[in-house]
């Protein structure tokens, strides 16, 4: 029995770890994201059953954000958020790029606000003519 306990402490499944680290709400969603190519393990696509070890680098794409994290500790059971944050460390470069992208998205929205109304027939014609000229 002690050998199975030690193997569990040295590695755990990737989908379980992502679920325990609270990147995904359920293990099924974590498996879908891994299979869909949203998670890269040490720079490569992988399967959800891949054994995660301490020191491994995982890239996770969630919406507009892409995080590059290093595994610090292992867990197979989900706990509170403060414990989950102790399982990994995000790289400084990853944090900087996420902040830059977030700022760019916010500025893009501010610079081109959505119109309150749809363009009428005359405005649509002008838009179509303008687009066809280019």
C-alpha atoms as a PDB file:
ATOM      1  CA  UNK A   1       0.000   0.000   0.000  1.00  0.00           C
ATOM      2  CA  UNK A   2       2.824   2.435   0.707  1.00  0.00           C
ATOM      3  CA  UNK A   3       4.075   2.191  -2.902  1.00  0.00           C
ATOM      4  CA  UNK A   4       0.727   3.325  -4.275  1.00  0.00           C
ATOM      5  CA  UNK A   5       0.644   6.225  -1.849  1.00  0.00           C
ATOM      6  CA  UNK A   6       4.131   7.367  -2.843  1.00  0.00           C
ATOM      7  CA  UNK A   7       3.321   7.181  -6.559  1.00  0.00           C
ATOM      8  CA  UNK A   8       0.265   9.327  -5.981  1.00  0.00           C
ATOM      9  CA  UNK A   9       2.372  11.936  -4.200  1.00  0.00           C
ATOM     10  CA  UNK A  10       5.011  12.087  -6.966  1.00  0.00           C
ATOM     11  CA  UNK A  11       2.586  12.426  -9.885  1.00  0.00           C
ATOM     12  CA  UNK A  12      -1.070  12.933 -10.658  1.00  0.00           C
ATOM     13  CA  UNK A  13      -3.220  13.038 -13.804  1.00  0.00           C
ATOM     14  CA  UNK A  14      -3.214  16.328 -15.710  1.00  0.00           C
ATOM     15  CA  UNK A  15      -7.006  16.707 -15.746  1.00  0.00           C
ATOM     16  CA  UNK A  16      -7.208  16.028 -12.003  1.00  0.00           C
ATOM     17  CA  UNK A  17      -4.465  18.538 -11.272  1.00  0.00           C
ATOM     18  CA  UNK A  18      -6.082  21.273 -13.405  1.00  0.00           C
ATOM     19  CA  UNK A  19      -9.382  20.625 -11.639  1.00  0.00           C
ATOM     20  CA  UNK A  20      -7.742  20.645  -8.184  1.00  0.00           C
ATOM     21  CA  UNK A  21      -5.863  23.863  -9.056  1.00  0.00           C
ATOM     22  CA  UNK A  22      -9.258  25.403  -9.963  1.00  0.00           C
ATOM     23  CA  UNK A  23      -8.517  26.222 -13.595  1.00  0.00           C
ATOM     24  CA  UNK A  24     -11.686  24.362 -14.600  1.00  0.00           C
ATOM     25  CA  UNK A  25     -14.933  23.773 -12.761  1.00  0.00           C
ATOM     26  CA  UNK A  26     -15.146  20.029 -13.500  1.00  0.00           C
ATOM     27  CA  UNK A  27     -12.764  17.279 -14.558  1.00  0.00           C
ATOM     28  CA  UNK A  28     -14.893  16.702 -17.649  1.00  0.00           C
ATOM     29  CA  UNK A  29     -14.343  20.309 -18.773  1.00  0.00           C
ATOM     30  CA  UNK A  30     -10.625  19.973 -18.034  1.00  0.00           C
ATOM     31  CA  UNK A  31     -10.515  16.833 -20.207  1.00  0.00           C
ATOM     32  CA  UNK A  32     -12.358  18.628 -23.039  1.00  0.00           C
ATOM     33  CA  UNK A  33      -9.907  21.539 -22.929  1.00  0.00           C
ATOM     34  CA  UNK A  34      -6.899  19.199 -22.963  1.00  0.00           C
ATOM     35  CA  UNK A  35      -8.326  17.166 -25.849  1.00  0.00           C
ATOM     36  CA  UNK A  36      -9.273  20.380 -27.676  1.00  0.00           C
ATOM     37  CA  UNK A  37      -5.690  21.668 -27.665  1.00  0.00           C
ATOM     38  CA  UNK A  38      -6.176  24.465 -25.120  1.00  0.00           C
ATOM     39  CA  UNK A  39      -3.607  22.988 -22.729  1.00  0.00           C
ATOM     40  CA  UNK A  40       0.070  22.423 -23.552  1.00  0.00           C
ATOM     41  CA  UNK A  41       2.247  20.303 -21.286  1.00  0.00           C
ATOM     42  CA  UNK A  42       5.975  21.120 -21.533  1.00  0.00           C
ATOM     43  CA  UNK A  43       5.353  22.762 -24.926  1.00  0.00           C
ATOM     44  CA  UNK A  44       3.387  19.878 -26.470  1.00  0.00           C
ATOM     45  CA  UNK A  45      -0.222  18.793 -26.777  1.00  0.00           C
ATOM     46  CA  UNK A  46      -0.969  15.888 -24.510  1.00  0.00           C
ATOM     47  CA  UNK A  47      -3.671  13.550 -23.246  1.00  0.00           C
ATOM     48  CA  UNK A  48      -5.682  14.105 -20.085  1.00  0.00           C
ATOM     49  CA  UNK A  49      -4.143  11.077 -18.366  1.00  0.00           C
ATOM     50  CA  UNK A  50      -0.596  12.458 -18.584  1.00  0.00           C
ATOM     51  CA  UNK A  51       1.222  12.320 -15.253  1.00  0.00           C
ATOM     52  CA  UNK A  52       2.072  15.766 -13.907  1.00  0.00           C
ATOM     53  CA  UNK A  53       5.234  16.177 -11.860  1.00  0.00           C
ATOM     54  CA  UNK A  54       6.640  19.070  -9.856  1.00  0.00           C
ATOM     55  CA  UNK A  55       8.552  21.544 -12.019  1.00  0.00           C
ATOM     56  CA  UNK A  56       6.565  20.898 -15.214  1.00  0.00           C
ATOM     57  CA  UNK A  57       5.452  23.861 -17.334  1.00  0.00           C
ATOM     58  CA  UNK A  58       1.833  24.050 -18.470  1.00  0.00           C
ATOM     59  CA  UNK A  59       0.338  26.594 -20.897  1.00  0.00           C
ATOM     60  CA  UNK A  60      -3.395  27.154 -20.560  1.00  0.00           C
ATOM     61  CA  UNK A  61      -5.591  29.147 -22.941  1.00  0.00           C
ATOM     62  CA  UNK A  62      -8.812  30.435 -21.375  1.00  0.00           C
ATOM     63  CA  UNK A  63     -10.768  32.827 -23.549  1.00  0.00           C
ATOM     64  CA  UNK A  64      -8.490  35.730 -24.446  1.00  0.00           C
ATOM     65  CA  UNK A  65      -5.954  34.850 -21.758  1.00  0.00           C
ATOM     66  CA  UNK A  66      -2.980  32.538 -22.047  1.00  0.00           C
ATOM     67  CA  UNK A  67      -1.209  31.534 -18.839  1.00  0.00           C
ATOM     68  CA  UNK A  68       2.162  29.844 -18.497  1.00  0.00           C
ATOM     69  CA  UNK A  69       2.460  28.181 -15.122  1.00  0.00           C
ATOM     70  CA  UNK A  70       4.981  26.014 -13.328  1.00  0.00           C
ATOM     71  CA  UNK A  71       3.745  23.163 -11.124  1.00  0.00           C
ATOM     72  CA  UNK A  72       4.942  23.664  -7.542  1.00  0.00           C
ATOM     73  CA  UNK A  73       2.856  21.074  -5.690  1.00  0.00           C
ATOM     74  CA  UNK A  74       0.526  18.201  -6.532  1.00  0.00           C
ATOM     75  CA  UNK A  75      -3.033  17.561  -5.430  1.00  0.00           C
ATOM     76  CA  UNK A  76      -5.698  15.086  -6.448  1.00  0.00           C
ATOM     77  CA  UNK A  77      -8.521  16.569  -4.397  1.00  0.00           C
ATOM     78  CA  UNK A  78     -10.113  19.958  -4.929  1.00  0.00           C
ATOM     79  CA  UNK A  79      -9.877  22.365  -2.027  1.00  0.00           C
ATOM     80  CA  UNK A  80     -10.394  26.079  -1.436  1.00  0.00           C
ATOM     81  CA  UNK A  81      -8.976  28.754  -3.752  1.00  0.00           C
ATOM     82  CA  UNK A  82      -6.153  29.807  -1.419  1.00  0.00           C
ATOM     83  CA  UNK A  83      -4.834  26.239  -1.346  1.00  0.00           C
ATOM     84  CA  UNK A  84      -5.232  25.944  -5.125  1.00  0.00           C
ATOM     85  CA  UNK A  85      -3.027  29.010  -5.663  1.00  0.00           C
ATOM     86  CA  UNK A  86      -0.194  27.293  -3.781  1.00  0.00           C
ATOM     87  CA  UNK A  87      -0.109  24.478  -6.367  1.00  0.00           C
ATOM     88  CA  UNK A  88       1.378  26.605  -9.149  1.00  0.00           C
ATOM     89  CA  UNK A  89       3.311  29.764  -9.965  1.00  0.00           C
ATOM     90  CA  UNK A  90       2.641  31.862 -13.043  1.00  0.00           C
ATOM     91  CA  UNK A  91       5.691  33.177 -14.883  1.00  0.00           C
ATOM     92  CA  UNK A  92       6.393  36.927 -14.817  1.00  0.00           C
ATOM     93  CA  UNK A  93       6.417  37.059 -18.613  1.00  0.00           C
ATOM     94  CA  UNK A  94       2.964  35.463 -18.712  1.00  0.00           C
ATOM     95  CA  UNK A  95       1.581  38.000 -16.225  1.00  0.00           C
ATOM     96  CA  UNK A  96       3.035  40.921 -18.211  1.00  0.00           C
ATOM     97  CA  UNK A  97       1.637  39.730 -21.544  1.00  0.00           C
ATOM     98  CA  UNK A  98      -1.803  39.118 -20.012  1.00  0.00           C
ATOM     99  CA  UNK A  99      -1.829  42.651 -18.570  1.00  0.00           C
ATOM    100  CA  UNK A 100      -0.735  44.158 -21.913  1.00  0.00           C
ATOM    101  CA  UNK A 101      -3.404  42.214 -23.816  1.00  0.00           C
ATOM    102  CA  UNK A 102      -6.065  43.195 -21.293  1.00  0.00           C
ATOM    103  CA  UNK A 103      -5.141  46.869 -21.603  1.00  0.00           C
ATOM    104  CA  UNK A 104      -5.144  46.642 -25.416  1.00  0.00           C
ATOM    105  CA  UNK A 105      -8.610  45.055 -25.380  1.00  0.00           C
ATOM    106  CA  UNK A 106      -9.929  47.769 -23.063  1.00  0.00           C
ATOM    107  CA  UNK A 107      -8.453  50.538 -25.213  1.00  0.00           C
ATOM    108  CA  UNK A 108      -9.817  48.966 -28.391  1.00  0.00           C
ATOM    109  CA  UNK A 109     -13.307  48.928 -26.946  1.00  0.00           C
ATOM    110  CA  UNK A 110     -13.007  52.558 -25.834  1.00  0.00           C
ATOM    111  CA  UNK A 111     -11.686  53.740 -29.199  1.00  0.00           C
ATOM    112  CA  UNK A 112     -14.444  52.117 -31.250  1.00  0.00           C
ATOM    113  CA  UNK A 113     -17.641  52.110 -29.210  1.00  0.00           C
ATOM    114  CA  UNK A 114     -20.673  50.278 -30.536  1.00  0.00           C
ATOM    115  CA  UNK A 115     -23.386  52.326 -32.197  1.00  0.00           C
ATOM    116  CA  UNK A 116     -26.724  52.749 -30.441  1.00  0.00           C
ATOM    117  CA  UNK A 117     -28.671  52.156 -33.657  1.00  0.00           C
ATOM    118  CA  UNK A 118     -28.223  50.143 -36.825  1.00  0.00           C
ATOM    119  CA  UNK A 119     -27.215  52.050 -39.963  1.00  0.00           C
ATOM    120  CA  UNK A 120     -30.164  52.989 -42.164  1.00  0.00           C
ATOM    121  CA  UNK A 121     -30.406  52.119 -45.869  1.00  0.00           C
ATOM    122  CA  UNK A 122     -28.477  55.187 -47.062  1.00  0.00           C
ATOM    123  CA  UNK A 123     -25.656  54.627 -44.536  1.00  0.00           C
ATOM    124  CA  UNK A 124     -25.419  50.944 -45.493  1.00  0.00           C
ATOM    125  CA  UNK A 125     -25.050  51.917 -49.168  1.00  0.00           C
ATOM    126  CA  UNK A 126     -22.243  54.342 -48.293  1.00  0.00           C
ATOM    127  CA  UNK A 127     -20.490  51.687 -46.202  1.00  0.00           C
ATOM    128  CA  UNK A 128     -20.777  49.146 -49.020  1.00  0.00           C
ATOM    129  CA  UNK A 129     -19.377  51.653 -51.552  1.00  0.00           C
ATOM    130  CA  UNK A 130     -16.525  52.517 -49.241  1.00  0.00           C
ATOM    131  CA  UNK A 131     -15.619  48.853 -48.683  1.00  0.00           C
ATOM    132  CA  UNK A 132     -15.754  48.046 -52.389  1.00  0.00           C
ATOM    133  CA  UNK A 133     -13.391  50.932 -53.248  1.00  0.00           C
ATOM    134  CA  UNK A 134     -10.648  49.455 -51.092  1.00  0.00           C
END
